[in-house]
C-alpha atoms as a PDB file:
ATOM      1  CA  MET A   1      23.276  35.860  32.875  1.00  0.00           C
ATOM      2  CA  LEU A   2      20.805  34.598  30.269  1.00  0.00           C
ATOM      3  CA  ALA A   3      20.984  34.521  26.486  1.00  0.00           C
ATOM      4  CA  ALA A   4      18.180  32.932  24.448  1.00  0.00           C
ATOM      5  CA  ARG A   5      18.405  32.304  20.700  1.00  0.00           C
ATOM      6  CA  GLU A   6      15.362  31.640  18.502  1.00  0.00           C
ATOM      7  CA  LEU A   7      13.467  29.611  21.112  1.00  0.00           C
ATOM      8  CA  ALA A   8      10.323  27.993  19.719  1.00  0.00           C
ATOM      9  CA  LYS A   9       7.668  25.650  21.112  1.00  0.00           C
ATOM     10  CA  ARG A  10       4.484  24.362  19.521  1.00  0.00           C
ATOM     11  CA  TYR A  11       1.516  22.526  21.072  1.00  0.00           C
ATOM     12  CA  LYS A  12      -0.302  20.724  18.203  1.00  0.00           C
ATOM     13  CA  SER A  13      -1.942  23.595  16.275  1.00  0.00           C
ATOM     14  CA  VAL A  14      -0.783  26.383  18.625  1.00  0.00           C
ATOM     15  CA  GLN A  15       2.598  28.094  18.265  1.00  0.00           C
ATOM     16  CA  ALA A  16       3.184  28.928  21.953  1.00  0.00           C
ATOM     17  CA  ILE A  17       6.488  30.754  21.429  1.00  0.00           C
ATOM     18  CA  ASP A  18       7.848  31.654  18.037  1.00  0.00           C
ATOM     19  CA  GLY A  19      11.578  32.306  17.637  1.00  0.00           C
ATOM     20  CA  LEU A  20      12.262  34.386  20.760  1.00  0.00           C
ATOM     21  CA  SER A  21      15.738  35.841  21.221  1.00  0.00           C
ATOM     22  CA  PHE A  22      16.797  38.071  24.111  1.00  0.00           C
ATOM     23  CA  GLU A  23      19.434  38.599  26.787  1.00  0.00           C
ATOM     24  CA  VAL A  24      19.220  39.405  30.490  1.00  0.00           C
ATOM     25  CA  ALA A  25      22.159  41.009  32.286  1.00  0.00           C
ATOM     26  CA  GLU A  26      23.354  39.951  35.722  1.00  0.00           C
ATOM     27  CA  GLY A  27      21.439  41.790  38.436  1.00  0.00           C
ATOM     28  CA  GLU A  28      18.691  42.905  36.043  1.00  0.00           C
ATOM     29  CA  LEU A  29      14.949  42.848  36.751  1.00  0.00           C
ATOM     30  CA  PHE A  30      13.470  41.801  33.416  1.00  0.00           C
ATOM     31  CA  GLY A  31       9.717  41.712  32.835  1.00  0.00           C
ATOM     32  CA  LEU A  32       7.600  39.711  30.394  1.00  0.00           C
ATOM     33  CA  ILE A  33       4.419  41.712  29.874  1.00  0.00           C
ATOM     34  CA  GLY A  34       1.437  40.248  28.068  1.00  0.00           C
ATOM     35  CA  PRO A  35      -2.060  38.781  28.386  1.00  0.00           C
ATOM     36  CA  ASP A  36      -3.011  35.197  29.192  1.00  0.00           C
ATOM     37  CA  GLY A  37      -2.020  32.872  26.356  1.00  0.00           C
ATOM     38  CA  ALA A  38       0.798  35.107  25.135  1.00  0.00           C
ATOM     39  CA  GLY A  39       3.471  32.441  25.797  1.00  0.00           C
ATOM     40  CA  LYS A  40       4.928  33.681  29.088  1.00  0.00           C
ATOM     41  CA  SER A  41       4.506  30.456  31.078  1.00  0.00           C
ATOM     42  CA  THR A  42       5.800  28.271  28.247  1.00  0.00           C
ATOM     43  CA  LEU A  43       8.935  30.394  27.970  1.00  0.00           C
ATOM     44  CA  PHE A  44       9.529  30.218  31.734  1.00  0.00           C
ATOM     45  CA  ARG A  45       9.054  26.436  31.809  1.00  0.00           C
ATOM     46  CA  ILE A  46      11.622  26.057  29.047  1.00  0.00           C
ATOM     47  CA  LEU A  47      14.128  28.350  30.772  1.00  0.00           C
ATOM     48  CA  ALA A  48      13.588  26.508  34.074  1.00  0.00           C
ATOM     49  CA  THR A  49      14.428  23.216  32.223  1.00  0.00           C
ATOM     50  CA  LEU A  50      10.918  21.803  32.714  1.00  0.00           C
ATOM     51  CA  LEU A  51      10.157  21.735  28.974  1.00  0.00           C
ATOM     52  CA  LEU A  52      12.355  21.079  25.974  1.00  0.00           C
ATOM     53  CA  PRO A  53      12.179  23.657  23.175  1.00  0.00           C
ATOM     54  CA  ASP A  54      11.334  22.436  19.676  1.00  0.00           C
ATOM     55  CA  SER A  55      14.173  24.559  18.323  1.00  0.00           C
ATOM     56  CA  GLY A  56      16.618  27.227  19.408  1.00  0.00           C
ATOM     57  CA  GLY A  57      18.702  27.262  22.561  1.00  0.00           C
ATOM     58  CA  ALA A  58      19.810  29.283  25.557  1.00  0.00           C
ATOM     59  CA  THR A  59      22.575  29.641  28.099  1.00  0.00           C
ATOM     60  CA  LEU A  60      21.960  30.435  31.765  1.00  0.00           C
ATOM     61  CA  ASP A  61      24.929  31.604  33.815  1.00  0.00           C
ATOM     62  CA  GLY A  62      27.171  30.169  31.088  1.00  0.00           C
ATOM     63  CA  LEU A  63      25.477  26.742  31.101  1.00  0.00           C
ATOM     64  CA  ASP A  64      23.675  25.179  28.140  1.00  0.00           C
ATOM     65  CA  LEU A  65      19.921  24.915  28.632  1.00  0.00           C
ATOM     66  CA  VAL A  66      19.656  21.266  27.504  1.00  0.00           C
ATOM     67  CA  ARG A  67      23.097  19.757  28.054  1.00  0.00           C
ATOM     68  CA  ASP A  68      23.608  21.228  31.544  1.00  0.00           C
ATOM     69  CA  PHE A  69      20.017  21.083  32.798  1.00  0.00           C
ATOM     70  CA  ARG A  70      20.930  19.469  36.145  1.00  0.00           C
ATOM     71  CA  ALA A  71      23.470  22.176  36.973  1.00  0.00           C
ATOM     72  CA  ILE A  72      21.016  24.879  35.882  1.00  0.00           C
ATOM     73  CA  ARG A  73      18.330  23.585  38.257  1.00  0.00           C
ATOM     74  CA  ALA A  74      20.697  24.137  41.185  1.00  0.00           C
ATOM     75  CA  ARG A  75      21.236  27.760  40.122  1.00  0.00           C
ATOM     76  CA  VAL A  76      17.673  28.905  39.427  1.00  0.00           C
ATOM     77  CA  GLY A  77      14.625  29.479  41.572  1.00  0.00           C
ATOM     78  CA  TYR A  78      11.233  28.988  39.953  1.00  0.00           C
ATOM     79  CA  MET A  79       7.855  30.162  41.216  1.00  0.00           C
ATOM     80  CA  PRO A  80       5.070  28.954  38.887  1.00  0.00           C
ATOM     81  CA  GLY A  81       1.883  30.888  38.320  1.00  0.00           C
ATOM     82  CA  ARG A  82      -0.261  28.397  40.207  1.00  0.00           C
ATOM     83  CA  PHE A  83       0.481  27.796  43.919  1.00  0.00           C
ATOM     84  CA  SER A  84       2.415  24.522  43.862  1.00  0.00           C
ATOM     85  CA  LEU A  85       3.683  23.971  47.406  1.00  0.00           C
ATOM     86  CA  TYR A  86       2.434  21.115  49.593  1.00  0.00           C
ATOM     87  CA  GLN A  87      -0.851  22.424  50.970  1.00  0.00           C
ATOM     88  CA  ASP A  88      -1.081  19.800  53.732  1.00  0.00           C
ATOM     89  CA  LEU A  89       2.379  20.717  55.087  1.00  0.00           C
ATOM     90  CA  SER A  90       2.888  23.670  57.388  1.00  0.00           C
ATOM     91  CA  VAL A  91       4.728  26.849  56.406  1.00  0.00           C
ATOM     92  CA  GLU A  92       7.824  25.690  58.294  1.00  0.00           C
ATOM     93  CA  GLU A  93       7.681  22.154  56.867  1.00  0.00           C
ATOM     94  CA  ASN A  94       7.447  23.426  53.288  1.00  0.00           C
ATOM     95  CA  LEU A  95      10.473  25.668  53.714  1.00  0.00           C
ATOM     96  CA  THR A  96      12.504  22.889  55.357  1.00  0.00           C
ATOM     97  CA  PHE A  97      11.547  20.415  52.632  1.00  0.00           C
ATOM     98  CA  PHE A  98      12.556  22.681  49.742  1.00  0.00           C
ATOM     99  CA  ALA A  99      15.845  23.511  51.438  1.00  0.00           C
ATOM    100  CA  SER A 100      16.605  19.795  51.833  1.00  0.00           C
ATOM    101  CA  VAL A 101      15.837  19.130  48.144  1.00  0.00           C
ATOM    102  CA  PHE A 102      18.762  21.406  47.242  1.00  0.00           C
ATOM    103  CA  GLY A 103      21.013  20.027  49.969  1.00  0.00           C
ATOM    104  CA  VAL A 104      21.002  23.137  52.156  1.00  0.00           C
ATOM    105  CA  SER A 105      19.485  24.057  55.480  1.00  0.00           C
ATOM    106  CA  VAL A 106      17.106  26.866  56.307  1.00  0.00           C
ATOM    107  CA  GLU A 107      19.572  28.208  58.868  1.00  0.00           C
ATOM    108  CA  GLU A 108      22.509  28.687  56.479  1.00  0.00           C
ATOM    109  CA  ASN A 109      20.430  30.748  53.997  1.00  0.00           C
ATOM    110  CA  ARG A 110      18.003  32.313  56.488  1.00  0.00           C
ATOM    111  CA  ALA A 111      19.461  35.806  55.934  1.00  0.00           C
ATOM    112  CA  LEU A 112      18.391  35.755  52.260  1.00  0.00           C
ATOM    113  CA  VAL A 113      14.707  35.204  53.036  1.00  0.00           C
ATOM    114  CA  ASP A 114      14.528  36.661  56.536  1.00  0.00           C
ATOM    115  CA  ASP A 115      12.775  39.915  55.577  1.00  0.00           C
ATOM    116  CA  ILE A 116      10.087  37.937  53.762  1.00  0.00           C
ATOM    117  CA  TYR A 117       9.826  35.023  56.193  1.00  0.00           C
ATOM    118  CA  ARG A 118       9.364  37.306  59.210  1.00  0.00           C
ATOM    119  CA  GLN A 119       6.012  38.367  57.733  1.00  0.00           C
ATOM    120  CA  ILE A 120       4.706  34.773  57.676  1.00  0.00           C
ATOM    121  CA  GLU A 121       6.602  33.381  60.687  1.00  0.00           C
ATOM    122  CA  PRO A 122       3.661  33.980  63.081  1.00  0.00           C
ATOM    123  CA  PHE A 123       1.799  31.408  60.958  1.00  0.00           C
ATOM    124  CA  LYS A 124       4.680  28.920  60.619  1.00  0.00           C
ATOM    125  CA  GLN A 125       2.612  26.042  62.059  1.00  0.00           C
ATOM    126  CA  ARG A 126      -0.360  26.748  59.789  1.00  0.00           C
ATOM    127  CA  ARG A 127      -0.906  24.503  56.777  1.00  0.00           C
ATOM    128  CA  ALA A 128       0.058  26.201  53.519  1.00  0.00           C
ATOM    129  CA  GLY A 129      -3.380  25.538  52.046  1.00  0.00           C
ATOM    130  CA  ALA A 130      -4.989  27.650  54.795  1.00  0.00           C
ATOM    131  CA  LEU A 131      -2.917  30.772  54.086  1.00  0.00           C
ATOM    132  CA  SER A 132      -4.277  33.880  52.362  1.00  0.00           C
ATOM    133  CA  GLY A 133      -3.284  34.561  48.750  1.00  0.00           C
ATOM    134  CA  GLY A 134      -0.614  37.096  49.697  1.00  0.00           C
ATOM    135  CA  MET A 135       0.871  34.828  52.381  1.00  0.00           C
ATOM    136  CA  LYS A 136       0.992  31.911  49.938  1.00  0.00           C
ATOM    137  CA  GLN A 137       2.984  34.021  47.487  1.00  0.00           C
ATOM    138  CA  LYS A 138       5.449  35.052  50.193  1.00  0.00           C
ATOM    139  CA  LEU A 139       5.932  31.432  51.236  1.00  0.00           C
ATOM    140  CA  ALA A 140       6.417  30.365  47.611  1.00  0.00           C
ATOM    141  CA  LEU A 141       9.031  33.109  47.157  1.00  0.00           C
ATOM    142  CA  CYS A 142      10.876  31.947  50.278  1.00  0.00           C
ATOM    143  CA  CYS A 143      10.931  28.367  48.971  1.00  0.00           C
ATOM    144  CA  ALA A 144      12.228  29.536  45.575  1.00  0.00           C
ATOM    145  CA  LEU A 145      15.036  31.512  47.251  1.00  0.00           C
ATOM    146  CA  ILE A 146      16.103  29.209  50.081  1.00  0.00           C
ATOM    147  CA  HIS A 147      18.903  27.551  48.065  1.00  0.00           C
ATOM    148  CA  ARG A 148      20.346  30.979  47.109  1.00  0.00           C
ATOM    149  CA  PRO A 149      19.773  30.853  43.314  1.00  0.00           C
ATOM    150  CA  ARG A 150      21.628  33.009  40.814  1.00  0.00           C
ATOM    151  CA  LEU A 151      18.519  33.531  38.683  1.00  0.00           C
ATOM    152  CA  LEU A 152      14.893  33.761  39.804  1.00  0.00           C
ATOM    153  CA  PHE A 153      11.864  33.027  37.574  1.00  0.00           C
ATOM    154  CA  LEU A 154       8.507  34.355  38.801  1.00  0.00           C
ATOM    155  CA  ASP A 155       5.513  33.471  36.634  1.00  0.00           C
ATOM    156  CA  GLU A 156       2.669  35.947  37.284  1.00  0.00           C
ATOM    157  CA  PRO A 157       3.418  36.100  41.040  1.00  0.00           C
ATOM    158  CA  THR A 158       0.809  38.778  41.823  1.00  0.00           C
ATOM    159  CA  THR A 159      -2.176  37.453  39.843  1.00  0.00           C
ATOM    160  CA  GLY A 160      -5.211  37.258  42.113  1.00  0.00           C
ATOM    161  CA  VAL A 161      -3.412  38.972  45.002  1.00  0.00           C
ATOM    162  CA  ASP A 162      -4.886  42.008  46.771  1.00  0.00           C
ATOM    163  CA  PRO A 163      -3.387  45.470  45.993  1.00  0.00           C
ATOM    164  CA  VAL A 164      -1.538  45.772  49.322  1.00  0.00           C
ATOM    165  CA  SER A 165       0.114  42.358  48.916  1.00  0.00           C
ATOM    166  CA  ARG A 166       0.978  43.240  45.309  1.00  0.00           C
ATOM    167  CA  ARG A 167       2.813  46.360  46.451  1.00  0.00           C
ATOM    168  CA  GLU A 168       4.619  44.496  49.239  1.00  0.00           C
ATOM    169  CA  PHE A 169       5.655  41.739  46.835  1.00  0.00           C
ATOM    170  CA  TRP A 170       7.192  44.212  44.380  1.00  0.00           C
ATOM    171  CA  GLU A 171       9.008  45.969  47.219  1.00  0.00           C
ATOM    172  CA  MET A 172      10.567  42.593  48.065  1.00  0.00           C
ATOM    173  CA  LEU A 173      11.596  42.034  44.429  1.00  0.00           C
ATOM    174  CA  LEU A 174      13.229  45.447  44.194  1.00  0.00           C
ATOM    175  CA  ARG A 175      15.185  44.745  47.377  1.00  0.00           C
ATOM    176  CA  LEU A 176      16.367  41.380  46.002  1.00  0.00           C
ATOM    177  CA  ARG A 177      17.409  43.099  42.766  1.00  0.00           C
ATOM    178  CA  ARG A 178      19.455  45.637  44.753  1.00  0.00           C
ATOM    179  CA  GLU A 179      21.229  42.697  46.417  1.00  0.00           C
ATOM    180  CA  GLY A 180      22.367  41.483  42.986  1.00  0.00           C
ATOM    181  CA  LEU A 181      19.846  38.729  42.196  1.00  0.00           C
ATOM    182  CA  THR A 182      18.829  38.441  38.536  1.00  0.00           C
ATOM    183  CA  ILE A 183      15.034  38.275  38.249  1.00  0.00           C
ATOM    184  CA  LEU A 184      12.689  37.415  35.376  1.00  0.00           C
ATOM    185  CA  VAL A 185       9.066  38.150  36.196  1.00  0.00           C
ATOM    186  CA  SER A 186       5.970  37.786  34.025  1.00  0.00           C
ATOM    187  CA  THR A 187       2.746  39.684  34.576  1.00  0.00           C
ATOM    188  CA  PRO A 188      -0.468  40.613  32.779  1.00  0.00           C
ATOM    189  CA  TYR A 189      -0.552  43.891  34.754  1.00  0.00           C
ATOM    190  CA  MET A 190       0.809  46.680  32.587  1.00  0.00           C
ATOM    191  CA  ASP A 191       1.381  49.018  35.540  1.00  0.00           C
ATOM    192  CA  GLU A 192       4.000  46.604  36.921  1.00  0.00           C
ATOM    193  CA  ALA A 193       6.093  47.062  33.778  1.00  0.00           C
ATOM    194  CA  THR A 194       7.380  50.438  34.997  1.00  0.00           C
ATOM    195  CA  LEU A 195       9.033  48.706  37.981  1.00  0.00           C
ATOM    196  CA  CYS A 196      11.302  46.617  35.722  1.00  0.00           C
ATOM    197  CA  ASP A 197      14.697  47.622  34.317  1.00  0.00           C
ATOM    198  CA  ARG A 198      13.645  46.324  30.893  1.00  0.00           C
ATOM    199  CA  VAL A 199      10.521  44.652  29.585  1.00  0.00           C
ATOM    200  CA  ALA A 200       9.511  42.470  26.669  1.00  0.00           C
ATOM    201  CA  LEU A 201       5.971  43.043  25.415  1.00  0.00           C
ATOM    202  CA  ILE A 202       4.763  39.641  24.230  1.00  0.00           C
ATOM    203  CA  GLN A 203       1.697  38.600  22.238  1.00  0.00           C
ATOM    204  CA  ARG A 204       0.937  35.258  20.542  1.00  0.00           C
ATOM    205  CA  GLY A 205       4.409  33.930  21.260  1.00  0.00           C
ATOM    206  CA  ARG A 206       6.294  36.847  19.718  1.00  0.00           C
ATOM    207  CA  PHE A 207       7.973  39.921  21.170  1.00  0.00           C
ATOM    208  CA  LEU A 208       6.380  43.181  20.092  1.00  0.00           C
ATOM    209  CA  GLN A 209       9.174  45.255  21.613  1.00  0.00           C
ATOM    210  CA  VAL A 210      12.024  44.835  24.107  1.00  0.00           C
ATOM    211  CA  ASP A 211      13.427  47.892  25.871  1.00  0.00           C
ATOM    212  CA  ARG A 212      13.330  50.042  28.978  1.00  0.00           C
ATOM    213  CA  PRO A 213       9.723  50.991  29.853  1.00  0.00           C
ATOM    214  CA  GLU A 214      10.395  54.705  29.436  1.00  0.00           C
ATOM    215  CA  ALA A 215      11.989  54.150  26.018  1.00  0.00           C
ATOM    216  CA  ILE A 216       8.957  52.197  24.817  1.00  0.00           C
ATOM    217  CA  VAL A 217       6.654  55.008  25.938  1.00  0.00           C
ATOM    218  CA  GLN A 218       8.837  57.647  24.244  1.00  0.00           C
ATOM    219  CA  ARG A 219       8.510  55.809  20.933  1.00  0.00           C
ATOM    220  CA  PHE A 220       4.700  55.982  20.994  1.00  0.00           C
ATOM    221  CA  GLY A 221       4.974  59.081  18.803  1.00  0.00           C
ATOM    222  CA  ARG A 222       1.291  59.968  18.342  1.00  0.00           C
ATOM    223  CA  PRO A 223      -1.080  62.429  20.037  1.00  0.00           C
ATOM    224  CA  LEU A 224      -3.277  60.647  22.573  1.00  0.00           C
ATOM    225  CA  LEU A 225      -6.646  61.844  23.883  1.00  0.00           C
ATOM    226  CA  ALA A 226      -8.795  60.656  26.788  1.00  0.00           C
ATOM    227  CA  VAL A 227     -12.506  60.790  25.979  1.00  0.00           C
ATOM    228  CA  ARG A 228     -15.567  60.615  28.243  1.00  0.00           C
ATOM    229  CA  ALA A 229     -19.241  60.833  27.299  1.00  0.00           C
ATOM    230  CA  ALA A 230     -22.606  59.966  28.805  1.00  0.00           C
ATOM    231  CA  LYS A 231     -22.974  56.784  26.712  1.00  0.00           C
ATOM    232  CA  MET A 232     -19.489  55.298  26.568  1.00  0.00           C
ATOM    233  CA  SER A 233     -20.314  52.147  24.626  1.00  0.00           C
ATOM    234  CA  ARG A 234     -21.938  54.054  21.753  1.00  0.00           C
ATOM    235  CA  ALA A 235     -19.153  56.659  21.868  1.00  0.00           C
ATOM    236  CA  LEU A 236     -16.546  53.947  21.270  1.00  0.00           C
ATOM    237  CA  GLY A 237     -18.296  52.830  18.105  1.00  0.00           C
ATOM    238  CA  ASP A 238     -18.636  56.413  16.826  1.00  0.00           C
ATOM    239  CA  LEU A 239     -14.983  57.147  17.582  1.00  0.00           C
ATOM    240  CA  ARG A 240     -13.871  54.089  15.627  1.00  0.00           C
ATOM    241  CA  SER A 241     -16.012  55.086  12.666  1.00  0.00           C
ATOM    242  CA  HIS A 242     -14.287  58.476  12.288  1.00  0.00           C
ATOM    243  CA  PRO A 243     -11.840  58.322   9.332  1.00  0.00           C
ATOM    244  CA  GLU A 244      -9.188  60.375  11.159  1.00  0.00           C
ATOM    245  CA  VAL A 245      -9.202  58.260  14.332  1.00  0.00           C
ATOM    246  CA  LEU A 246      -6.292  55.826  14.112  1.00  0.00           C
ATOM    247  CA  SER A 247      -7.268  53.750  17.143  1.00  0.00           C
ATOM    248  CA  SER A 248      -9.698  53.850  20.052  1.00  0.00           C
ATOM    249  CA  PHE A 249      -9.701  51.535  23.073  1.00  0.00           C
ATOM    250  CA  ALA A 250     -11.597  51.447  26.363  1.00  0.00           C
ATOM    251  CA  PHE A 251      -9.354  52.243  29.341  1.00  0.00           C
ATOM    252  CA  GLY A 252     -11.238  52.182  32.647  1.00  0.00           C
ATOM    253  CA  ASP A 253     -13.744  55.030  32.666  1.00  0.00           C
ATOM    254  CA  THR A 254     -12.310  56.684  29.524  1.00  0.00           C
ATOM    255  CA  HIS A 255     -11.538  55.835  25.902  1.00  0.00           C
ATOM    256  CA  HIS A 256      -7.960  56.406  24.735  1.00  0.00           C
ATOM    257  CA  VAL A 257      -7.917  57.727  21.186  1.00  0.00           C
ATOM    258  CA  THR A 258      -4.969  58.266  18.838  1.00  0.00           C
ATOM    259  CA  THR A 259      -5.742  60.942  16.261  1.00  0.00           C
ATOM    260  CA  ALA A 260      -4.377  64.127  14.744  1.00  0.00           C
ATOM    261  CA  LEU A 261      -7.687  65.857  15.496  1.00  0.00           C
ATOM    262  CA  SER A 262      -7.737  68.514  18.205  1.00  0.00           C
ATOM    263  CA  PRO A 263      -9.805  67.830  21.356  1.00  0.00           C
ATOM    264  CA  GLU A 264     -12.234  70.540  20.236  1.00  0.00           C
ATOM    265  CA  ALA A 265     -12.727  69.027  16.769  1.00  0.00           C
ATOM    266  CA  LEU A 266     -13.287  65.536  18.173  1.00  0.00           C
ATOM    267  CA  ALA A 267     -15.719  66.869  20.786  1.00  0.00           C
ATOM    268  CA  ALA A 268     -17.684  68.679  18.062  1.00  0.00           C
ATOM    269  CA  TYR A 269     -17.896  65.417  16.084  1.00  0.00           C
ATOM    270  CA  LEU A 270     -19.316  63.526  19.066  1.00  0.00           C
ATOM    271  CA  VAL A 271     -21.804  66.287  19.854  1.00  0.00           C
ATOM    272  CA  GLU A 272     -23.002  66.158  16.234  1.00  0.00           C
ATOM    273  CA  ARG A 273     -23.607  62.450  16.757  1.00  0.00           C
ATOM    274  CA  GLY A 274     -25.905  63.264  19.686  1.00  0.00           C
ATOM    275  CA  HIS A 275     -23.493  62.635  22.563  1.00  0.00           C
ATOM    276  CA  THR A 276     -23.746  64.612  25.803  1.00  0.00           C
ATOM    277  CA  ASP A 277     -21.390  65.277  28.736  1.00  0.00           C
ATOM    278  CA  VAL A 278     -18.423  65.053  26.355  1.00  0.00           C
ATOM    279  CA  GLU A 279     -15.005  65.621  27.980  1.00  0.00           C
ATOM    280  CA  ILE A 280     -11.762  65.322  25.998  1.00  0.00           C
ATOM    281  CA  HIS A 281      -8.195  66.186  26.979  1.00  0.00           C
ATOM    282  CA  ALA A 282      -4.680  65.259  25.888  1.00  0.00           C
ATOM    283  CA  ILE A 283      -2.791  62.666  27.976  1.00  0.00           C
ATOM    284  CA  GLU A 284       0.622  60.999  28.088  1.00  0.00           C
ATOM    285  CA  PRO A 285       0.748  57.372  26.868  1.00  0.00           C
ATOM    286  CA  SER A 286       1.320  54.466  29.240  1.00  0.00           C
ATOM    287  CA  ILE A 287       2.879  51.053  28.647  1.00  0.00           C
ATOM    288  CA  GLU A 288      -0.641  49.706  28.161  1.00  0.00           C
ATOM    289  CA  ASP A 289      -1.282  52.237  25.389  1.00  0.00           C
ATOM    290  CA  CYS A 290       1.950  51.170  23.706  1.00  0.00           C
ATOM    291  CA  PHE A 291       1.018  47.494  24.016  1.00  0.00           C
ATOM    292  CA  MET A 292      -2.435  48.025  22.524  1.00  0.00           C
ATOM    293  CA  GLU A 293      -0.975  50.051  19.655  1.00  0.00           C
ATOM    294  CA  LEU A 294       1.710  47.453  18.886  1.00  0.00           C
ATOM    295  CA  ALA A 295      -0.670  44.488  19.253  1.00  0.00           C
ATOM    296  CA  SER A 296      -3.189  45.990  16.880  1.00  0.00           C
END
């Protein structure tokens, strides 16, 4: 469905994306996972034909990214990271407008968005700008789908959305994937990576790794320990100063440490440094652990 070859884009002194090559199969849910500034939005804008690449190329559904940009726009749906619908139009008016832009009616493609639209239909006369964050995202998804695209681009669709709306949104994406829609979604949330068929971990415009989430985790290949202590900030510095600690990062209320040391040996080291309430146990790595290890 999509094949990109050495795509690159530079903004003055910043290399936004740097020679990215990848493929997405038809019906696949493909995730771009990385922090703000990693190049996710630039890549999506290029693939949605809103930006020209400096070099490289791509085909979408067999069409050339640059030469066939008008035909591509009729086949893709694009939901940018920032809410971009008309805030002074109602829910119903926005959906009708975007359908008319693509020369279709809401009625002929209603079945595609019906499960999503039913959740916001009670507010169909409300202005889009007055909707909650989760409702805005659902409306934006309906507008991106109303012309029945072959390929859907979602740029950080759950950023700033409450946990319940995040879960509901991903349930909708998984249902659309089961119906055969090809989806590219970007997110800074590492836990969402496990919901994708394949992911690309991206940092500073380059891919760190592209594979199935479980395959990336399996390649971590180092013992991983979770560490707690009474004074976590000082513990992080002491952990990083140990010559046999390969890496140590703060993860929520613990520090994740890669080392060949046993939990007992590492605990003894921290106690010698004056730490109290030390708890250490072995854990399985997550996608976030893999990202931090690859990025460092």
